[in-house]
Amino acid sequence: MRVALAGAGAFGIKHLDGLQNIDGVEITSIVSRRLEQAQEVADRYGAVHATTDLNETLARDDVDAVILCTPTQMHAEQSIAAMRAGKHVQVEIPLCDRWQDALAVEAAQRETGLTCMVGHTRRFNPSHQWVHNRIVAGELAISQMDVQTYFFRRTNMNALGAPRSWTDHLLWHHAAHTVDLFQYQTGERVVVANAIEGPKNPNLGIAMDMSIQLQTDGGKICTLSLSFNNEGPLGAYFRYICDNGTYIARYDDLYTGNDEQIDVSKVAVSMNGIELQDREFISAIREGREPNSSVAGVLDCYRVLGELEEQLNSRS
């Protein structure tokens, strides 16, 4: 399987590290905004080609699949272009920042029949997989999810502390993790969604604080708090309040409500959620099946985000 990566920033490197652990995968092309960065990363991971032009990569015969870790605003258009060029595609979360674009990507996937997977990593973290497996086995049922997603990003910097060329978004990026995971874990559809946001940052043009409430057609509820103003532990923390226990997921780790760690090392072949996500992508292509977190499988998440954006815009 010959794979290209577009977007050689902090998250792109995580994918390249994960791909190195998967048998039969060769990284052949690296695309980045700066050619010197693309070449440096290509040299480090053994890719034979480096460029600043995604179309150049999509035209290559030695590329079977593309992983897109580019700015959010490019995701939908680039995903469609990759499939039109005959390449399977995994696009990082979020798929898009407009509901209409999500529909367009899903339509392109149906038309081409190629694999199109979206990087909803929470589905693959061993902590969330452990909870999901118990739900599927009938051992747990969620009553409520309470989620905190907190960062400190008052300037436009990435996870490595370098300036970003684009602006991140609490609703379309960080809320997407929880909106999708809530529906995935409950197996139910969100039918009630409410959101409020704090003042917009005058330099970044985005809300720095947000609160979201969700309810499924089966009565399950979720409360999500998000902030780019938080000084303290960073990241996302998921509390599952269930009929048979309370569980707290912190990325790949899992704890009981009493802060006792649960061993999730046997849940999957790796403890790295990004690697597990990439393994699913490669396996789905090889087996000719729909992947977990396919564009069709996560589409309803973007419906909810679109409804929430309309709600927020109507108040502004």
Protein backbone atom coordinates (compact mmCIF):
# COMPACT_ATOMS: atom_id res chain seq x y z
CA MET A 1 0.00 0.00 0.00
CA ARG A 2 1.64 3.21 -1.19
CA VAL A 3 0.53 6.19 0.87
CA ALA A 4 1.00 9.95 0.47
CA LEU A 5 0.64 12.45 3.28
CA ALA A 6 -0.47 16.05 2.76
CA GLY A 7 0.19 18.36 5.70
CA ALA A 8 3.49 17.54 7.39
CA GLY A 9 2.76 19.41 10.61
CA ALA A 10 2.32 18.10 14.15
CA PHE A 11 -0.57 15.75 13.37
CA GLY A 12 0.84 14.61 10.04
CA ILE A 13 3.96 13.37 11.83
CA LYS A 14 1.76 11.32 14.20
CA HIS A 15 0.26 9.57 11.18
CA LEU A 16 3.67 8.90 9.65
CA ASP A 17 4.87 7.40 12.92
CA GLY A 18 1.77 5.19 13.05
CA LEU A 19 2.11 4.07 9.42
CA GLN A 20 5.66 2.88 10.10
CA ASN A 21 4.21 0.20 12.41
CA ILE A 22 1.89 -1.25 9.74
CA ASP A 23 3.25 -4.08 7.57
CA GLY A 24 3.23 -3.57 3.83
CA VAL A 25 2.83 0.21 3.90
CA GLU A 26 5.21 2.47 1.99
CA ILE A 27 5.18 6.26 2.32
CA THR A 28 5.89 7.57 -1.18
CA SER A 29 5.03 11.28 -1.26
CA ILE A 30 4.93 14.20 1.18
CA VAL A 31 3.07 17.44 0.52
CA SER A 32 3.63 20.52 2.65
CA ARG A 33 3.19 24.28 2.39
CA ARG A 34 6.97 24.76 2.44
CA LEU A 35 9.08 22.62 0.11
CA GLU A 36 12.00 22.44 2.53
CA GLN A 37 9.71 21.00 5.21
CA ALA A 38 8.22 18.49 2.75
CA GLN A 39 11.69 17.36 1.69
CA GLU A 40 12.96 17.05 5.26
CA VAL A 41 9.99 14.90 6.26
CA ALA A 42 10.24 12.84 3.05
CA ASP A 43 13.90 12.12 3.77
CA ARG A 44 13.10 11.16 7.37
CA TYR A 45 10.36 8.68 6.40
CA GLY A 46 11.84 7.35 3.16
CA ALA A 47 9.41 8.97 0.72
CA VAL A 48 10.75 9.35 -2.83
CA HIS A 49 8.78 12.51 -3.61
CA ALA A 50 8.23 15.89 -1.93
CA THR A 51 6.17 18.81 -3.19
CA THR A 52 4.00 21.78 -2.29
CA ASP A 53 1.36 20.79 -4.87
CA LEU A 54 -1.21 18.13 -3.90
CA ASN A 55 -2.31 17.75 -7.53
CA GLU A 56 1.24 16.72 -8.42
CA THR A 57 1.03 13.95 -5.83
CA LEU A 58 -2.46 12.86 -6.94
CA ALA A 59 -1.14 12.41 -10.51
CA ARG A 60 1.54 9.94 -9.41
CA ASP A 61 1.25 6.23 -10.18
CA ASP A 62 3.03 5.27 -6.97
CA VAL A 63 0.26 6.67 -4.72
CA ASP A 64 -2.68 4.41 -3.82
CA ALA A 65 -4.04 6.41 -0.91
CA VAL A 66 -3.73 9.87 0.62
CA ILE A 67 -3.95 11.05 4.21
CA LEU A 68 -4.97 14.72 4.48
CA CYS A 69 -3.73 16.66 7.52
CA THR A 70 -4.19 20.03 5.88
CA PRO A 71 -6.13 23.07 7.14
CA THR A 72 -9.81 22.44 7.85
CA GLN A 73 -10.99 24.75 5.08
CA MET A 74 -9.26 22.55 2.46
CA HIS A 75 -10.51 19.15 3.63
CA ALA A 76 -13.67 18.74 1.58
CA GLU A 77 -12.26 20.02 -1.72
CA GLN A 78 -9.06 17.98 -1.35
CA SER A 79 -10.95 14.81 -0.40
CA ILE A 80 -13.09 15.10 -3.51
CA ALA A 81 -10.02 15.80 -5.66
CA ALA A 82 -8.25 12.71 -4.27
CA MET A 83 -11.19 10.45 -5.09
CA ARG A 84 -11.60 12.00 -8.53
CA ALA A 85 -7.92 11.10 -9.09
CA GLY A 86 -8.64 7.47 -8.14
CA LYS A 87 -7.03 7.60 -4.68
CA HIS A 88 -8.46 6.32 -1.43
CA VAL A 89 -8.49 9.08 1.18
CA GLN A 90 -8.38 9.50 4.91
CA VAL A 91 -9.10 13.10 5.87
CA GLU A 92 -8.38 14.35 9.34
CA ILE A 93 -11.17 15.62 11.55
CA PRO A 94 -13.09 17.74 10.76
CA LEU A 95 -14.32 16.63 7.37
CA CYS A 96 -15.40 20.21 6.62
CA ASP A 97 -16.74 23.40 8.17
CA ARG A 98 -20.02 23.49 6.20
CA TRP A 99 -22.81 20.90 6.11
CA GLN A 100 -23.15 21.23 2.32
CA ASP A 101 -19.49 20.26 1.91
CA ALA A 102 -20.00 17.11 3.99
CA LEU A 103 -22.81 16.09 1.64
CA ALA A 104 -20.58 16.77 -1.39
CA VAL A 105 -17.77 14.54 -0.07
CA GLU A 106 -20.21 11.73 0.73
CA ALA A 107 -21.66 12.01 -2.78
CA ALA A 108 -18.17 11.76 -4.32
CA GLN A 109 -17.47 8.64 -2.28
CA ARG A 110 -20.66 6.97 -3.46
CA GLU A 111 -19.91 7.94 -7.06
CA THR A 112 -16.31 6.67 -7.06
CA GLY A 113 -16.73 3.70 -4.71
CA LEU A 114 -13.33 4.48 -3.14
CA THR A 115 -12.55 4.38 0.55
CA CYS A 116 -13.16 7.74 2.24
CA MET A 117 -12.53 7.72 5.97
CA VAL A 118 -12.61 10.64 8.40
CA GLY A 119 -10.16 10.81 11.30
CA HIS A 120 -12.59 10.58 14.21
CA THR A 121 -9.85 9.31 16.51
CA ARG A 122 -11.99 8.90 19.61
CA ARG A 123 -13.62 5.86 18.02
CA PHE A 124 -10.18 4.23 17.99
CA ASN A 125 -8.66 5.23 21.33
CA PRO A 126 -8.41 2.03 23.45
CA SER A 127 -10.23 3.79 26.30
CA HIS A 128 -13.31 4.51 24.18
CA GLN A 129 -13.08 1.12 22.46
CA TRP A 130 -13.25 -0.58 25.88
CA VAL A 131 -16.47 1.28 26.67
CA HIS A 132 -17.88 0.59 23.19
CA ASN A 133 -17.16 -3.14 23.43
CA ARG A 134 -19.02 -3.38 26.73
CA ILE A 135 -21.98 -1.45 25.31
CA VAL A 136 -22.14 -3.79 22.30
CA ALA A 137 -21.95 -6.79 24.66
CA GLY A 138 -24.94 -5.44 26.60
CA GLU A 139 -22.92 -4.87 29.77
CA LEU A 140 -23.26 -1.07 29.81
CA ALA A 141 -25.77 1.55 28.79
CA ILE A 142 -24.95 5.26 28.79
CA SER A 143 -27.23 7.62 30.68
CA GLN A 144 -25.12 10.72 30.24
CA MET A 145 -21.80 11.89 28.85
CA ASP A 146 -20.04 14.93 30.30
CA VAL A 147 -17.09 16.18 28.28
CA GLN A 148 -14.51 18.92 28.83
CA THR A 149 -12.35 19.98 25.89
CA TYR A 150 -9.87 22.61 27.03
CA PHE A 151 -6.87 24.31 25.43
CA PHE A 152 -4.95 27.56 25.82
CA ARG A 153 -4.82 29.11 22.34
CA ARG A 154 -5.12 32.88 22.53
CA THR A 155 -2.62 33.08 19.69
CA ASN A 156 -2.76 31.09 16.45
CA MET A 157 -0.20 28.39 17.28
CA ASN A 158 -0.19 24.66 16.62
CA ALA A 159 0.54 21.78 19.01
CA LEU A 160 4.30 22.22 18.44
CA GLY A 161 4.18 25.93 19.29
CA ALA A 162 4.64 27.05 15.68
CA PRO A 163 2.41 29.64 13.95
CA ARG A 164 -0.59 28.22 12.09
CA SER A 165 -1.51 29.26 8.55
CA TRP A 166 -5.22 28.75 9.39
CA THR A 167 -7.57 29.18 12.36
CA ASP A 168 -8.85 26.29 14.46
CA HIS A 169 -12.51 26.13 15.54
CA LEU A 170 -14.23 24.89 18.70
CA LEU A 171 -17.47 23.89 16.95
CA TRP A 172 -16.38 22.36 13.65
CA HIS A 173 -13.22 20.69 14.96
CA HIS A 174 -13.23 20.03 18.67
CA ALA A 175 -16.97 19.56 19.17
CA ALA A 176 -16.99 17.14 16.22
CA HIS A 177 -15.10 14.59 18.33
CA THR A 178 -17.79 14.54 20.99
CA VAL A 179 -20.87 14.89 18.77
CA ASP A 180 -19.75 11.88 16.74
CA LEU A 181 -18.61 9.82 19.74
CA PHE A 182 -21.89 10.42 21.61
CA GLN A 183 -23.95 9.09 18.70
CA TYR A 184 -21.48 6.23 18.08
CA GLN A 185 -21.44 5.07 21.70
CA THR A 186 -25.18 5.36 22.29
CA GLY A 187 -26.13 4.01 18.86
CA GLU A 188 -28.76 6.73 18.76
CA ARG A 189 -29.38 9.89 16.75
CA VAL A 190 -29.12 13.38 18.24
CA VAL A 191 -32.52 15.06 17.93
CA VAL A 192 -32.06 17.99 20.33
CA ALA A 193 -28.96 20.22 20.13
CA ASN A 194 -28.36 23.56 21.83
CA ALA A 195 -25.26 25.75 21.88
CA ILE A 196 -24.11 29.05 23.33
CA GLU A 197 -20.76 30.74 22.80
CA GLY A 198 -18.70 33.43 24.46
CA PRO A 199 -17.27 36.57 22.85
CA LYS A 200 -15.23 36.24 19.69
CA ASN A 201 -11.51 36.91 19.88
CA PRO A 202 -10.88 40.18 17.97
CA ASN A 203 -7.67 38.83 16.40
CA LEU A 204 -8.70 35.25 15.63
CA GLY A 205 -12.34 35.99 14.80
CA ILE A 206 -13.61 32.88 16.63
CA ALA A 207 -15.43 32.22 19.89
CA MET A 208 -13.00 31.15 22.61
CA ASP A 209 -15.59 29.47 24.84
CA MET A 210 -18.61 27.31 24.01
CA SER A 211 -21.21 25.14 25.74
CA ILE A 212 -23.25 22.45 23.96
CA GLN A 213 -26.15 20.24 25.09
CA LEU A 214 -27.29 17.17 23.16
CA GLN A 215 -30.10 14.64 23.52
CA THR A 216 -30.69 11.48 21.48
CA ASP A 217 -33.97 10.05 20.29
CA GLY A 218 -33.61 7.49 23.09
CA GLY A 219 -33.30 10.17 25.79
CA LYS A 220 -29.53 9.98 26.39
CA ILE A 221 -27.93 13.36 27.14
CA CYS A 222 -24.52 14.93 26.69
CA THR A 223 -23.03 18.14 28.08
CA LEU A 224 -19.92 19.51 26.35
CA SER A 225 -17.80 22.42 27.54
CA LEU A 226 -15.07 23.79 25.24
CA SER A 227 -12.50 26.54 25.71
CA PHE A 228 -9.39 28.03 24.14
CA ASN A 229 -8.95 30.17 27.30
CA ASN A 230 -8.09 27.40 29.74
CA GLU A 231 -4.85 27.61 31.75
CA GLY A 232 -4.20 24.19 33.24
CA PRO A 233 -4.33 20.57 32.08
CA LEU A 234 -5.06 20.59 28.35
CA GLY A 235 -7.01 18.13 26.25
CA ALA A 236 -10.38 16.38 26.33
CA TYR A 237 -11.82 14.40 29.22
CA PHE A 238 -14.90 12.20 28.73
CA ARG A 239 -17.04 11.06 31.66
CA TYR A 240 -19.40 8.19 30.87
CA ILE A 241 -22.20 7.94 33.44
CA CYS A 242 -23.71 4.50 32.85
CA ASP A 243 -26.22 2.13 34.39
CA ASN A 244 -23.32 -0.06 35.47
CA GLY A 245 -20.48 2.21 36.52
CA THR A 246 -18.88 5.54 35.72
CA TYR A 247 -15.83 5.76 33.48
CA ILE A 248 -13.47 8.62 32.60
CA ALA A 249 -11.50 8.50 29.34
CA ARG A 250 -8.38 10.61 28.97
CA TYR A 251 -7.20 9.99 25.43
CA ASP A 252 -5.94 6.37 25.35
CA ASP A 253 -6.27 5.84 29.13
CA LEU A 254 -9.39 4.91 31.11
CA TYR A 255 -10.33 5.29 34.79
CA THR A 256 -13.32 4.45 36.96
CA GLY A 257 -15.33 7.22 38.56
CA ASN A 258 -13.17 6.65 41.65
CA ASP A 259 -10.00 7.34 39.60
CA GLU A 260 -8.88 3.71 39.48
CA GLN A 261 -7.07 2.99 36.22
CA ILE A 262 -8.47 0.27 33.98
CA ASP A 263 -6.05 -1.85 31.95
CA VAL A 264 -6.94 -1.31 28.28
CA SER A 265 -3.66 -2.65 26.89
CA LYS A 266 -5.35 -5.77 25.47
CA VAL A 267 -8.17 -3.91 23.70
CA ALA A 268 -6.24 -3.56 20.43
CA VAL A 269 -2.82 -4.25 18.91
CA SER A 270 -1.59 -0.80 19.91
CA MET A 271 -2.22 1.78 22.62
CA ASN A 272 -1.90 4.56 20.03
CA GLY A 273 -5.28 5.79 18.78
CA ILE A 274 -3.78 7.40 15.65
CA GLU A 275 -1.99 4.20 14.69
CA LEU A 276 -5.21 2.20 15.23
CA GLN A 277 -7.07 4.70 13.05
CA ASP A 278 -4.49 4.24 10.28
CA ARG A 279 -4.63 0.46 10.63
CA GLU A 280 -8.39 0.60 10.05
CA PHE A 281 -7.89 2.76 6.95
CA ILE A 282 -5.34 0.38 5.41
CA SER A 283 -7.33 -2.74 6.34
CA ALA A 284 -10.56 -1.37 4.87
CA ILE A 285 -8.84 -0.65 1.54
CA ARG A 286 -7.22 -4.10 1.43
CA GLU A 287 -10.46 -5.87 2.36
CA GLY A 288 -12.69 -3.76 0.13
CA ARG A 289 -15.07 -2.86 2.96
CA GLU A 290 -16.46 0.29 4.54
CA PRO A 291 -14.18 1.53 7.34
CA ASN A 292 -15.22 2.51 10.82
CA SER A 293 -15.64 6.32 10.64
CA SER A 294 -16.32 6.28 6.90
CA VAL A 295 -17.69 9.53 5.54
CA ALA A 296 -21.15 7.95 5.47
CA GLY A 297 -20.71 6.72 9.04
CA VAL A 298 -19.86 10.14 10.46
CA LEU A 299 -22.16 12.21 8.26
CA ASP A 300 -24.79 12.71 10.95
CA CYS A 301 -22.19 14.41 13.16
CA TYR A 302 -21.85 17.18 10.57
CA ARG A 303 -25.61 17.52 10.29
CA VAL A 304 -25.70 18.33 14.01
CA LEU A 305 -22.76 20.76 13.73
CA GLY A 306 -24.48 22.52 10.86
CA GLU A 307 -27.66 22.89 12.91
CA LEU A 308 -25.67 24.26 15.85
CA GLU A 309 -23.91 26.80 13.62
CA GLU A 310 -27.26 28.01 12.28
CA GLN A 311 -28.47 28.38 15.86
CA LEU A 312 -25.40 30.38 16.91
CA ASN A 313 -25.56 32.60 13.82
CA SER A 314 -29.21 33.39 14.44
CA ARG A 315 -28.25 34.92 17.79
CA SER A 316 -25.31 36.98 16.53
